[in-house]
C-alpha atoms as a PDB file:
ATOM      1  CA  UNK A   1      64.162 -53.146 -27.354  1.00  0.00           C
ATOM      2  CA  UNK A   2      66.258 -49.993 -27.443  1.00  0.00           C
ATOM      3  CA  UNK A   3      65.379 -46.934 -25.296  1.00  0.00           C
ATOM      4  CA  UNK A   4      66.619 -43.216 -26.670  1.00  0.00           C
ATOM      5  CA  UNK A   5      67.431 -40.609 -23.627  1.00  0.00           C
ATOM      6  CA  UNK A   6      68.513 -37.115 -24.217  1.00  0.00           C
ATOM      7  CA  UNK A   7      70.816 -36.078 -21.616  1.00  0.00           C
ATOM      8  CA  UNK A   8      71.784 -32.213 -21.107  1.00  0.00           C
ATOM      9  CA  UNK A   9      75.499 -33.404 -22.420  1.00  0.00           C
ATOM     10  CA  UNK A  10      74.541 -36.592 -24.665  1.00  0.00           C
ATOM     11  CA  UNK A  11      72.381 -38.714 -26.510  1.00  0.00           C
ATOM     12  CA  UNK A  12      72.318 -42.001 -24.907  1.00  0.00           C
ATOM     13  CA  UNK A  13      70.757 -45.435 -26.375  1.00  0.00           C
ATOM     14  CA  UNK A  14      70.336 -48.400 -23.749  1.00  0.00           C
ATOM     15  CA  UNK A  15      69.029 -51.769 -24.557  1.00  0.00           C
ATOM     16  CA  UNK A  16      67.424 -54.432 -22.251  1.00  0.00           C
ATOM     17  CA  UNK A  17      70.672 -56.388 -21.708  1.00  0.00           C
ATOM     18  CA  UNK A  18      72.182 -52.972 -20.227  1.00  0.00           C
ATOM     19  CA  UNK A  19      74.165 -52.416 -23.155  1.00  0.00           C
ATOM     20  CA  UNK A  20      74.657 -48.256 -23.120  1.00  0.00           C
ATOM     21  CA  UNK A  21      75.783 -46.200 -26.391  1.00  0.00           C
ATOM     22  CA  UNK A  22      76.521 -42.435 -25.609  1.00  0.00           C
ATOM     23  CA  UNK A  23      77.361 -39.606 -27.619  1.00  0.00           C
ATOM     24  CA  UNK A  24      78.199 -36.416 -26.273  1.00  0.00           C
ATOM     25  CA  UNK A  25      76.691 -33.353 -27.872  1.00  0.00           C
ATOM     26  CA  UNK A  26      79.955 -31.649 -27.881  1.00  0.00           C
ATOM     27  CA  UNK A  27      81.485 -34.233 -29.748  1.00  0.00           C
ATOM     28  CA  UNK A  28      78.847 -34.024 -32.490  1.00  0.00           C
ATOM     29  CA  UNK A  29      80.133 -32.963 -35.923  1.00  0.00           C
ATOM     30  CA  UNK A  30      77.445 -34.394 -38.216  1.00  0.00           C
ATOM     31  CA  UNK A  31      73.920 -35.300 -38.725  1.00  0.00           C
ATOM     32  CA  UNK A  32      73.142 -37.285 -41.868  1.00  0.00           C
ATOM     33  CA  UNK A  33      69.362 -38.752 -42.508  1.00  0.00           C
ATOM     34  CA  UNK A  34      69.661 -42.261 -44.028  1.00  0.00           C
ATOM     35  CA  UNK A  35      66.579 -43.538 -45.822  1.00  0.00           C
ATOM     36  CA  UNK A  36      65.892 -47.236 -47.111  1.00  0.00           C
ATOM     37  CA  UNK A  37      63.582 -48.602 -49.466  1.00  0.00           C
ATOM     38  CA  UNK A  38      62.027 -50.948 -46.679  1.00  0.00           C
ATOM     39  CA  UNK A  39      59.400 -48.782 -45.501  1.00  0.00           C
ATOM     40  CA  UNK A  40      56.363 -48.285 -45.170  1.00  0.00           C
ATOM     41  CA  UNK A  41      55.966 -51.313 -42.983  1.00  0.00           C
ATOM     42  CA  UNK A  42      59.511 -51.184 -41.535  1.00  0.00           C
ATOM     43  CA  UNK A  43      61.646 -48.479 -40.096  1.00  0.00           C
ATOM     44  CA  UNK A  44      63.272 -46.694 -43.018  1.00  0.00           C
ATOM     45  CA  UNK A  45      64.348 -43.460 -41.574  1.00  0.00           C
ATOM     46  CA  UNK A  46      67.471 -42.997 -39.419  1.00  0.00           C
ATOM     47  CA  UNK A  47      69.103 -40.520 -37.740  1.00  0.00           C
ATOM     48  CA  UNK A  48      72.977 -40.829 -38.105  1.00  0.00           C
ATOM     49  CA  UNK A  49      74.892 -38.734 -35.761  1.00  0.00           C
ATOM     50  CA  UNK A  50      78.462 -38.612 -36.475  1.00  0.00           C
ATOM     51  CA  UNK A  51      81.278 -37.441 -34.017  1.00  0.00           C
ATOM     52  CA  UNK A  52      84.823 -35.853 -34.069  1.00  0.00           C
ATOM     53  CA  UNK A  53      86.493 -39.443 -33.666  1.00  0.00           C
ATOM     54  CA  UNK A  54      84.699 -40.864 -36.165  1.00  0.00           C
ATOM     55  CA  UNK A  55      82.218 -42.846 -34.315  1.00  0.00           C
ATOM     56  CA  UNK A  56      78.603 -42.993 -35.635  1.00  0.00           C
ATOM     57  CA  UNK A  57      75.400 -43.658 -33.797  1.00  0.00           C
ATOM     58  CA  UNK A  58      72.324 -44.707 -35.863  1.00  0.00           C
ATOM     59  CA  UNK A  59      68.969 -43.824 -34.519  1.00  0.00           C
ATOM     60  CA  UNK A  60      65.274 -44.960 -36.007  1.00  0.00           C
ATOM     61  CA  UNK A  61      62.954 -42.034 -36.279  1.00  0.00           C
ATOM     62  CA  UNK A  62      60.378 -44.839 -34.998  1.00  0.00           C
ATOM     63  CA  UNK A  63      62.245 -45.089 -31.683  1.00  0.00           C
ATOM     64  CA  UNK A  64      60.696 -43.684 -28.640  1.00  0.00           C
ATOM     65  CA  UNK A  65      61.959 -40.096 -27.857  1.00  0.00           C
ATOM     66  CA  UNK A  66      63.078 -39.496 -31.442  1.00  0.00           C
ATOM     67  CA  UNK A  67      60.695 -36.493 -31.843  1.00  0.00           C
ATOM     68  CA  UNK A  68      62.651 -34.972 -28.957  1.00  0.00           C
ATOM     69  CA  UNK A  69      66.027 -35.913 -30.695  1.00  0.00           C
ATOM     70  CA  UNK A  70      64.863 -34.029 -34.108  1.00  0.00           C
ATOM     71  CA  UNK A  71      63.495 -31.388 -31.812  1.00  0.00           C
ATOM     72  CA  UNK A  72      67.280 -31.184 -30.460  1.00  0.00           C
ATOM     73  CA  UNK A  73      68.925 -31.342 -33.455  1.00  0.00           C
ATOM     74  CA  UNK A  74      66.651 -28.483 -35.253  1.00  0.00           C
ATOM     75  CA  UNK A  75      68.031 -26.341 -32.704  1.00  0.00           C
ATOM     76  CA  UNK A  76      71.820 -26.493 -33.875  1.00  0.00           C
ATOM     77  CA  UNK A  77      72.568 -23.678 -36.078  1.00  0.00           C
ATOM     78  CA  UNK A  78      72.339 -24.372 -39.498  1.00  0.00           C
ATOM     79  CA  UNK A  79      70.388 -27.419 -39.388  1.00  0.00           C
ATOM     80  CA  UNK A  80      68.832 -28.202 -42.708  1.00  0.00           C
ATOM     81  CA  UNK A  81      65.152 -28.685 -42.620  1.00  0.00           C
ATOM     82  CA  UNK A  82      64.222 -28.679 -45.965  1.00  0.00           C
ATOM     83  CA  UNK A  83      66.857 -31.285 -46.795  1.00  0.00           C
ATOM     84  CA  UNK A  84      65.403 -33.354 -43.629  1.00  0.00           C
ATOM     85  CA  UNK A  85      61.961 -32.793 -45.358  1.00  0.00           C
ATOM     86  CA  UNK A  86      63.338 -34.050 -48.616  1.00  0.00           C
ATOM     87  CA  UNK A  87      64.443 -37.342 -46.828  1.00  0.00           C
ATOM     88  CA  UNK A  88      61.343 -38.257 -44.894  1.00  0.00           C
ATOM     89  CA  UNK A  89      59.756 -38.436 -48.335  1.00  0.00           C
ATOM     90  CA  UNK A  90      62.366 -40.154 -50.106  1.00  0.00           C
ATOM     91  CA  UNK A  91      61.353 -43.963 -50.822  1.00  0.00           C
ATOM     92  CA  UNK A  92      64.999 -44.974 -51.953  1.00  0.00           C
ATOM     93  CA  UNK A  93      68.294 -46.009 -50.143  1.00  0.00           C
ATOM     94  CA  UNK A  94      70.077 -42.506 -49.607  1.00  0.00           C
ATOM     95  CA  UNK A  95      71.945 -40.111 -47.170  1.00  0.00           C
ATOM     96  CA  UNK A  96      70.790 -36.619 -46.742  1.00  0.00           C
ATOM     97  CA  UNK A  97      73.505 -34.395 -44.826  1.00  0.00           C
ATOM     98  CA  UNK A  98      71.345 -32.229 -42.714  1.00  0.00           C
ATOM     99  CA  UNK A  99      73.993 -30.557 -40.596  1.00  0.00           C
ATOM    100  CA  UNK A 100      77.848 -30.196 -40.176  1.00  0.00           C
ATOM    101  CA  UNK A 101      79.661 -28.561 -37.438  1.00  0.00           C
ATOM    102  CA  UNK A 102      81.365 -25.472 -38.397  1.00  0.00           C
ATOM    103  CA  UNK A 103      85.042 -25.846 -39.346  1.00  0.00           C
ATOM    104  CA  UNK A 104      87.076 -24.316 -36.709  1.00  0.00           C
END
């Protein structure tokens, strides 16, 4: 089982074996919602966080703490809530870009 933690500076996922994955908020450049056709009896909506160096972190919307993650993501300037709602109603294998960092 994986555990999701939100820190002031990062999103952290750890498992029961002690393996930790971490993405710093300052490195976040993209939020994509990935849907699958596996639902409704399996996880079928995932947040995919993309970093500036190309790393991806996939987080199930069913994971404990994902509500707090969504609230934090919705606080990003320009987060597309309509696209997020569209994604949550999708029953196909698709990707929905909900946020991208502004180009510098």
